[in-house]
């Protein structure tokens, strides 16, 4: 690992999405956004739905939508474990807009058989995807 870099791995059930040395990773936790750089205090944190940003000097910032999970920060770097993560260029904006509309319609109708939590999470996922593409 290069000096003043931190090793980052982002792992989903279907792929190792990212593995490499980075200057900084910024991710949304349940208690707010956190930026991790070389020498960060070890910790384990719960991730919220949000955008993860990967920064390296001299390179364009990489962004991904991350939908929950955990991050472990230690001497060996950062490991992110999540069920779903998508690079910005993998997101279909039209599909995300449709998902947002469907979720909002469900929440506005509030029928007796509505799974409110499921509809709210669908809306949150759609908004993260839309925000990342904007």
N, C-alpha and C. Protein backbone atom coordinates (compact mmCIF):
# COMPACT_ATOMS: atom_id res chain seq x y z
N UNK A 1 0.85 -1.18 0.00
CA UNK A 1 0.00 0.00 0.00
C UNK A 1 0.89 1.24 0.00
N UNK A 2 0.52 2.21 -0.80
CA UNK A 2 1.27 3.45 -0.90
C UNK A 2 1.14 4.27 0.39
N UNK A 3 2.13 5.12 0.64
CA UNK A 3 2.12 5.95 1.84
C UNK A 3 0.92 6.89 1.82
N UNK A 4 0.30 7.07 2.98
CA UNK A 4 -0.86 7.94 3.16
C UNK A 4 -2.08 7.51 2.36
N UNK A 5 -2.13 6.27 1.96
CA UNK A 5 -3.30 5.70 1.30
C UNK A 5 -3.97 4.74 2.28
N UNK A 6 -5.19 4.39 1.99
CA UNK A 6 -5.90 3.40 2.79
C UNK A 6 -6.46 2.35 1.83
N UNK A 7 -6.32 1.10 2.21
CA UNK A 7 -6.84 0.00 1.40
C UNK A 7 -8.36 -0.04 1.56
N UNK A 8 -9.07 -0.10 0.44
CA UNK A 8 -10.53 -0.14 0.46
C UNK A 8 -11.02 -1.35 -0.31
N UNK A 9 -11.96 -2.09 0.31
CA UNK A 9 -12.67 -3.17 -0.37
C UNK A 9 -14.15 -2.93 -0.18
N UNK A 10 -14.89 -3.03 -1.28
CA UNK A 10 -16.35 -2.93 -1.25
C UNK A 10 -16.88 -4.25 -1.79
N UNK A 11 -17.61 -4.96 -0.94
CA UNK A 11 -18.03 -6.32 -1.27
C UNK A 11 -19.55 -6.44 -1.16
N UNK A 12 -20.17 -7.00 -2.19
CA UNK A 12 -21.59 -7.34 -2.19
C UNK A 12 -21.69 -8.86 -2.29
N UNK A 13 -22.87 -9.43 -2.13
CA UNK A 13 -23.01 -10.88 -2.27
C UNK A 13 -22.65 -11.41 -3.66
N UNK A 14 -22.72 -10.55 -4.68
CA UNK A 14 -22.50 -11.03 -6.04
C UNK A 14 -21.17 -10.61 -6.65
N UNK A 15 -20.44 -9.69 -5.98
CA UNK A 15 -19.17 -9.27 -6.57
C UNK A 15 -18.33 -8.47 -5.56
N UNK A 16 -17.04 -8.46 -5.86
CA UNK A 16 -16.16 -7.52 -5.18
C UNK A 16 -16.17 -6.27 -6.04
N UNK A 17 -16.88 -5.27 -5.60
CA UNK A 17 -17.13 -4.09 -6.40
C UNK A 17 -15.89 -3.22 -6.56
N UNK A 18 -15.08 -3.15 -5.50
CA UNK A 18 -13.88 -2.32 -5.56
C UNK A 18 -12.83 -2.90 -4.64
N UNK A 19 -11.59 -2.83 -5.08
CA UNK A 19 -10.46 -3.21 -4.24
C UNK A 19 -9.27 -2.40 -4.70
N UNK A 20 -8.75 -1.57 -3.79
CA UNK A 20 -7.59 -0.76 -4.15
C UNK A 20 -7.24 0.24 -3.06
N UNK A 21 -6.12 0.91 -3.26
CA UNK A 21 -5.67 1.92 -2.33
C UNK A 21 -6.24 3.27 -2.74
N UNK A 22 -6.76 4.01 -1.77
CA UNK A 22 -7.39 5.30 -2.03
C UNK A 22 -6.90 6.35 -1.04
N UNK A 23 -7.08 7.61 -1.42
CA UNK A 23 -6.75 8.71 -0.51
C UNK A 23 -7.83 8.86 0.56
N UNK A 24 -9.10 8.72 0.14
CA UNK A 24 -10.20 8.95 1.07
C UNK A 24 -11.46 8.27 0.55
N UNK A 25 -12.26 7.76 1.48
CA UNK A 25 -13.58 7.26 1.15
C UNK A 25 -14.57 7.95 2.08
N UNK A 26 -15.66 8.42 1.49
CA UNK A 26 -16.71 9.11 2.24
C UNK A 26 -17.98 8.29 2.07
N UNK A 27 -18.62 7.96 3.19
CA UNK A 27 -19.82 7.14 3.11
C UNK A 27 -20.85 7.59 4.14
N UNK A 28 -22.10 7.26 3.87
CA UNK A 28 -23.21 7.63 4.74
C UNK A 28 -23.41 6.53 5.77
N UNK A 29 -23.30 6.91 7.05
CA UNK A 29 -23.56 5.97 8.14
C UNK A 29 -24.89 6.34 8.79
N UNK A 30 -25.35 5.52 9.70
CA UNK A 30 -26.60 5.82 10.41
C UNK A 30 -26.50 7.08 11.25
N UNK A 31 -25.27 7.51 11.58
CA UNK A 31 -25.09 8.72 12.37
C UNK A 31 -24.57 9.90 11.54
N UNK A 32 -24.57 9.75 10.21
CA UNK A 32 -24.14 10.84 9.34
C UNK A 32 -22.99 10.43 8.43
N UNK A 33 -22.55 11.35 7.59
CA UNK A 33 -21.46 11.07 6.67
C UNK A 33 -20.14 11.00 7.43
N UNK A 34 -19.28 10.09 6.99
CA UNK A 34 -17.96 9.95 7.61
C UNK A 34 -16.93 9.84 6.49
N UNK A 35 -15.82 10.53 6.67
CA UNK A 35 -14.70 10.46 5.73
C UNK A 35 -13.57 9.68 6.37
N UNK A 36 -13.03 8.72 5.66
CA UNK A 36 -11.98 7.85 6.18
C UNK A 36 -10.71 8.08 5.36
N UNK A 37 -9.64 8.38 6.07
CA UNK A 37 -8.32 8.55 5.45
C UNK A 37 -7.31 7.69 6.21
N UNK A 38 -6.10 7.64 5.69
CA UNK A 38 -5.01 6.91 6.34
C UNK A 38 -4.90 7.36 7.80
N UNK A 39 -4.76 6.42 8.71
CA UNK A 39 -4.58 6.73 10.12
C UNK A 39 -5.87 6.93 10.89
N UNK A 40 -7.02 6.67 10.26
CA UNK A 40 -8.30 6.84 10.94
C UNK A 40 -8.41 5.87 12.11
N UNK A 41 -9.10 6.29 13.14
CA UNK A 41 -9.33 5.45 14.31
C UNK A 41 -10.12 4.19 13.91
N UNK A 42 -9.73 3.02 14.40
CA UNK A 42 -10.48 1.79 14.09
C UNK A 42 -11.91 1.88 14.61
N UNK A 43 -12.83 1.35 13.84
CA UNK A 43 -14.25 1.34 14.23
C UNK A 43 -15.04 0.44 13.30
N UNK A 44 -16.22 0.09 13.74
CA UNK A 44 -17.21 -0.60 12.92
C UNK A 44 -18.45 0.27 12.93
N UNK A 45 -19.06 0.48 11.78
CA UNK A 45 -20.23 1.35 11.70
C UNK A 45 -21.28 0.75 10.78
N UNK A 46 -22.51 1.10 11.05
CA UNK A 46 -23.65 0.66 10.24
C UNK A 46 -23.88 1.70 9.16
N UNK A 47 -23.98 1.24 7.92
CA UNK A 47 -24.20 2.15 6.79
C UNK A 47 -25.68 2.39 6.56
N UNK A 48 -25.98 3.59 6.11
CA UNK A 48 -27.34 3.95 5.72
C UNK A 48 -27.39 3.96 4.20
N UNK A 49 -28.56 4.19 3.64
CA UNK A 49 -28.68 4.37 2.20
C UNK A 49 -28.04 5.71 1.86
N UNK A 50 -27.15 5.73 0.86
CA UNK A 50 -26.53 6.97 0.49
C UNK A 50 -25.46 6.77 -0.57
N UNK A 51 -24.74 7.85 -0.83
CA UNK A 51 -23.69 7.85 -1.84
C UNK A 51 -22.34 7.64 -1.17
N UNK A 52 -21.55 6.73 -1.73
CA UNK A 52 -20.17 6.53 -1.30
C UNK A 52 -19.28 7.19 -2.34
N UNK A 53 -18.33 8.00 -1.86
CA UNK A 53 -17.41 8.69 -2.76
C UNK A 53 -15.99 8.21 -2.48
N UNK A 54 -15.29 7.86 -3.55
CA UNK A 54 -13.91 7.37 -3.46
C UNK A 54 -13.02 8.39 -4.14
N UNK A 55 -12.06 8.89 -3.38
CA UNK A 55 -11.19 9.95 -3.90
C UNK A 55 -9.74 9.50 -3.96
N UNK A 56 -9.10 9.83 -5.08
CA UNK A 56 -7.68 9.62 -5.30
C UNK A 56 -7.13 10.84 -6.01
N UNK A 57 -6.04 11.37 -5.50
CA UNK A 57 -5.43 12.55 -6.10
C UNK A 57 -5.11 12.28 -7.57
N UNK A 58 -5.47 13.22 -8.43
CA UNK A 58 -5.17 13.09 -9.84
C UNK A 58 -6.16 12.25 -10.62
N UNK A 59 -7.19 11.75 -9.96
CA UNK A 59 -8.21 10.92 -10.63
C UNK A 59 -9.58 11.53 -10.38
N UNK A 60 -10.51 11.21 -11.28
CA UNK A 60 -11.90 11.61 -11.06
C UNK A 60 -12.45 10.85 -9.86
N UNK A 61 -13.31 11.51 -9.11
CA UNK A 61 -13.96 10.87 -7.97
C UNK A 61 -14.88 9.76 -8.47
N UNK A 62 -14.83 8.60 -7.82
CA UNK A 62 -15.74 7.49 -8.14
C UNK A 62 -16.91 7.57 -7.17
N UNK A 63 -18.13 7.42 -7.67
CA UNK A 63 -19.31 7.47 -6.81
C UNK A 63 -20.16 6.23 -7.02
N UNK A 64 -20.77 5.80 -5.92
CA UNK A 64 -21.63 4.63 -5.97
C UNK A 64 -22.78 4.82 -4.99
N UNK A 65 -23.93 4.27 -5.34
CA UNK A 65 -25.06 4.21 -4.42
C UNK A 65 -24.86 2.95 -3.57
N UNK A 66 -24.95 3.12 -2.26
CA UNK A 66 -24.81 2.00 -1.33
C UNK A 66 -26.08 1.96 -0.49
N UNK A 67 -26.65 0.77 -0.37
CA UNK A 67 -27.94 0.62 0.31
C UNK A 67 -27.79 -0.20 1.58
N UNK A 68 -27.21 0.44 2.59
CA UNK A 68 -27.05 -0.20 3.89
C UNK A 68 -25.83 -1.10 3.94
N UNK A 69 -25.64 -1.72 5.09
CA UNK A 69 -24.53 -2.63 5.29
C UNK A 69 -23.68 -2.20 6.46
N UNK A 70 -22.42 -2.63 6.43
CA UNK A 70 -21.48 -2.35 7.50
C UNK A 70 -20.14 -1.93 6.91
N UNK A 71 -19.40 -1.15 7.67
CA UNK A 71 -18.03 -0.80 7.30
C UNK A 71 -17.14 -1.07 8.51
N UNK A 72 -16.02 -1.73 8.25
CA UNK A 72 -15.02 -1.96 9.29
C UNK A 72 -13.78 -1.17 8.91
N UNK A 73 -13.34 -0.33 9.81
CA UNK A 73 -12.15 0.48 9.60
C UNK A 73 -11.10 -0.02 10.58
N UNK A 74 -9.95 -0.43 10.08
CA UNK A 74 -8.90 -0.94 10.94
C UNK A 74 -7.53 -0.65 10.37
N UNK A 75 -6.53 -1.25 10.97
CA UNK A 75 -5.15 -1.06 10.52
C UNK A 75 -4.94 -1.54 9.09
N UNK A 76 -5.72 -2.53 8.67
CA UNK A 76 -5.58 -3.09 7.33
C UNK A 76 -6.40 -2.35 6.29
N UNK A 77 -7.12 -1.31 6.69
CA UNK A 77 -7.91 -0.55 5.73
C UNK A 77 -9.38 -0.55 6.05
N UNK A 78 -10.19 -0.36 5.03
CA UNK A 78 -11.64 -0.27 5.16
C UNK A 78 -12.27 -1.40 4.35
N UNK A 79 -13.18 -2.12 4.99
CA UNK A 79 -13.96 -3.13 4.30
C UNK A 79 -15.42 -2.76 4.42
N UNK A 80 -16.08 -2.62 3.27
CA UNK A 80 -17.51 -2.31 3.23
C UNK A 80 -18.24 -3.56 2.76
N UNK A 81 -19.20 -3.99 3.57
CA UNK A 81 -20.05 -5.13 3.22
C UNK A 81 -21.48 -4.61 3.07
N UNK A 82 -22.04 -4.80 1.89
CA UNK A 82 -23.39 -4.30 1.61
C UNK A 82 -24.13 -5.28 0.72
N UNK A 83 -25.44 -5.33 0.87
CA UNK A 83 -26.25 -6.20 0.01
C UNK A 83 -26.33 -5.65 -1.41
N UNK A 84 -26.40 -4.31 -1.52
CA UNK A 84 -26.55 -3.69 -2.84
C UNK A 84 -25.67 -2.46 -2.94
N UNK A 85 -24.91 -2.38 -4.01
CA UNK A 85 -24.13 -1.18 -4.34
C UNK A 85 -24.06 -1.08 -5.86
N UNK A 86 -24.19 0.13 -6.36
CA UNK A 86 -24.20 0.35 -7.80
C UNK A 86 -23.35 1.56 -8.14
N UNK A 87 -22.48 1.41 -9.13
CA UNK A 87 -21.74 2.57 -9.63
C UNK A 87 -22.72 3.51 -10.30
N UNK A 88 -22.38 4.79 -10.33
CA UNK A 88 -23.26 5.79 -10.93
C UNK A 88 -23.63 5.44 -12.37
N UNK A 89 -22.65 4.92 -13.14
CA UNK A 89 -22.94 4.61 -14.55
C UNK A 89 -23.77 3.33 -14.73
N UNK A 90 -24.04 2.60 -13.67
CA UNK A 90 -24.89 1.41 -13.74
C UNK A 90 -26.36 1.74 -13.48
N UNK A 91 -26.64 2.96 -13.08
CA UNK A 91 -28.00 3.35 -12.70
C UNK A 91 -28.76 3.86 -13.92
N UNK A 92 -29.97 3.33 -14.09
CA UNK A 92 -30.88 3.75 -15.15
C UNK A 92 -31.79 4.83 -14.56
N UNK A 93 -31.57 6.08 -14.95
CA UNK A 93 -32.30 7.20 -14.37
C UNK A 93 -33.80 7.09 -14.62
N UNK A 94 -34.20 6.70 -15.80
CA UNK A 94 -35.63 6.58 -16.11
C UNK A 94 -36.30 5.53 -15.22
N UNK A 95 -35.61 4.44 -15.01
CA UNK A 95 -36.14 3.37 -14.14
C UNK A 95 -36.24 3.86 -12.69
N UNK A 96 -35.26 4.61 -12.24
CA UNK A 96 -35.28 5.16 -10.88
C UNK A 96 -36.44 6.14 -10.72
N UNK A 97 -36.68 6.97 -11.72
CA UNK A 97 -37.80 7.92 -11.67
C UNK A 97 -39.14 7.19 -11.59
N UNK A 98 -39.26 6.12 -12.36
CA UNK A 98 -40.50 5.32 -12.31
C UNK A 98 -40.68 4.68 -10.94
N UNK A 99 -39.61 4.16 -10.37
CA UNK A 99 -39.68 3.56 -9.03
C UNK A 99 -40.09 4.60 -7.99
N UNK A 100 -39.56 5.82 -8.13
CA UNK A 100 -39.94 6.90 -7.21
C UNK A 100 -41.43 7.20 -7.31
N UNK A 101 -41.94 7.29 -8.54
CA UNK A 101 -43.36 7.58 -8.74
C UNK A 101 -44.24 6.48 -8.15
N UNK A 102 -43.88 5.21 -8.40
CA UNK A 102 -44.65 4.09 -7.85
C UNK A 102 -44.67 4.12 -6.32
N UNK A 103 -43.52 4.34 -5.73
CA UNK A 103 -43.44 4.36 -4.26
C UNK A 103 -44.25 5.52 -3.68
N UNK A 104 -44.16 6.69 -4.30
CA UNK A 104 -44.93 7.84 -3.82
C UNK A 104 -46.43 7.59 -3.95
N UNK A 105 -46.85 6.98 -5.05
CA UNK A 105 -48.27 6.66 -5.24
C UNK A 105 -48.76 5.70 -4.17
N UNK A 106 -47.96 4.66 -3.89
CA UNK A 106 -48.34 3.70 -2.85
C UNK A 106 -48.48 4.39 -1.50
N UNK A 107 -47.51 5.24 -1.17
CA UNK A 107 -47.54 5.90 0.13
C UNK A 107 -48.69 6.90 0.24
N UNK A 108 -49.06 7.53 -0.87
CA UNK A 108 -50.17 8.49 -0.85
C UNK A 108 -51.52 7.80 -0.73
N UNK A 109 -51.66 6.60 -1.27
CA UNK A 109 -52.93 5.87 -1.21
C UNK A 109 -53.16 5.24 0.16
N UNK A 110 -52.11 4.75 0.79
CA UNK A 110 -52.17 4.15 2.13
C UNK A 110 -53.32 3.14 2.27
N UNK A 111 -53.36 2.15 1.40
CA UNK A 111 -54.38 1.11 1.51
C UNK A 111 -54.08 0.22 2.72
N UNK A 112 -55.05 -0.53 3.14
CA UNK A 112 -54.92 -1.37 4.34
C UNK A 112 -53.84 -2.43 4.19
N UNK A 113 -53.62 -2.91 2.97
CA UNK A 113 -52.64 -3.97 2.77
C UNK A 113 -51.24 -3.45 2.41
N UNK A 114 -51.03 -2.13 2.51
CA UNK A 114 -49.75 -1.53 2.15
C UNK A 114 -48.68 -1.86 3.18
N UNK A 115 -47.55 -2.33 2.70
CA UNK A 115 -46.37 -2.53 3.54
C UNK A 115 -45.63 -1.19 3.51
N UNK A 116 -45.87 -0.36 4.52
CA UNK A 116 -45.36 1.01 4.54
C UNK A 116 -43.83 1.03 4.53
N UNK A 117 -43.21 0.20 5.35
CA UNK A 117 -41.75 0.18 5.41
C UNK A 117 -41.16 -0.17 4.05
N UNK A 118 -41.72 -1.15 3.39
CA UNK A 118 -41.22 -1.54 2.06
C UNK A 118 -41.34 -0.39 1.06
N UNK A 119 -42.48 0.31 1.08
CA UNK A 119 -42.68 1.43 0.17
C UNK A 119 -41.73 2.58 0.50
N UNK A 120 -41.51 2.84 1.79
CA UNK A 120 -40.58 3.91 2.18
C UNK A 120 -39.15 3.59 1.75
N UNK A 121 -38.74 2.33 1.90
CA UNK A 121 -37.39 1.94 1.49
C UNK A 121 -37.24 2.00 -0.03
N UNK A 122 -38.27 1.62 -0.76
CA UNK A 122 -38.23 1.72 -2.22
C UNK A 122 -38.07 3.19 -2.64
N UNK A 123 -38.79 4.07 -1.96
CA UNK A 123 -38.68 5.50 -2.26
C UNK A 123 -37.27 6.00 -1.94
N UNK A 124 -36.73 5.58 -0.81
CA UNK A 124 -35.39 6.02 -0.41
C UNK A 124 -34.34 5.54 -1.42
N UNK A 125 -34.44 4.29 -1.87
CA UNK A 125 -33.50 3.77 -2.88
C UNK A 125 -33.60 4.58 -4.17
N UNK A 126 -34.82 4.85 -4.60
CA UNK A 126 -35.01 5.62 -5.84
C UNK A 126 -34.41 7.01 -5.71
N UNK A 127 -34.60 7.66 -4.57
CA UNK A 127 -34.08 9.01 -4.37
C UNK A 127 -32.55 9.03 -4.34
N UNK A 128 -31.94 8.02 -3.74
CA UNK A 128 -30.48 7.95 -3.74
C UNK A 128 -29.97 7.79 -5.18
N UNK A 129 -30.61 6.90 -5.95
CA UNK A 129 -30.18 6.70 -7.34
C UNK A 129 -30.35 7.98 -8.16
N UNK A 130 -31.48 8.64 -8.00
CA UNK A 130 -31.74 9.87 -8.75
C UNK A 130 -30.73 10.95 -8.35
N UNK A 131 -30.48 11.08 -7.06
CA UNK A 131 -29.54 12.07 -6.58
C UNK A 131 -28.13 11.83 -7.09
N UNK A 132 -27.74 10.59 -7.22
CA UNK A 132 -26.41 10.25 -7.71
C UNK A 132 -26.28 10.59 -9.20
N UNK A 133 -27.33 10.43 -9.95
CA UNK A 133 -27.30 10.70 -11.39
C UNK A 133 -27.47 12.18 -11.71
N UNK A 134 -27.94 12.97 -10.76
CA UNK A 134 -28.19 14.40 -11.01
C UNK A 134 -26.92 15.21 -10.99
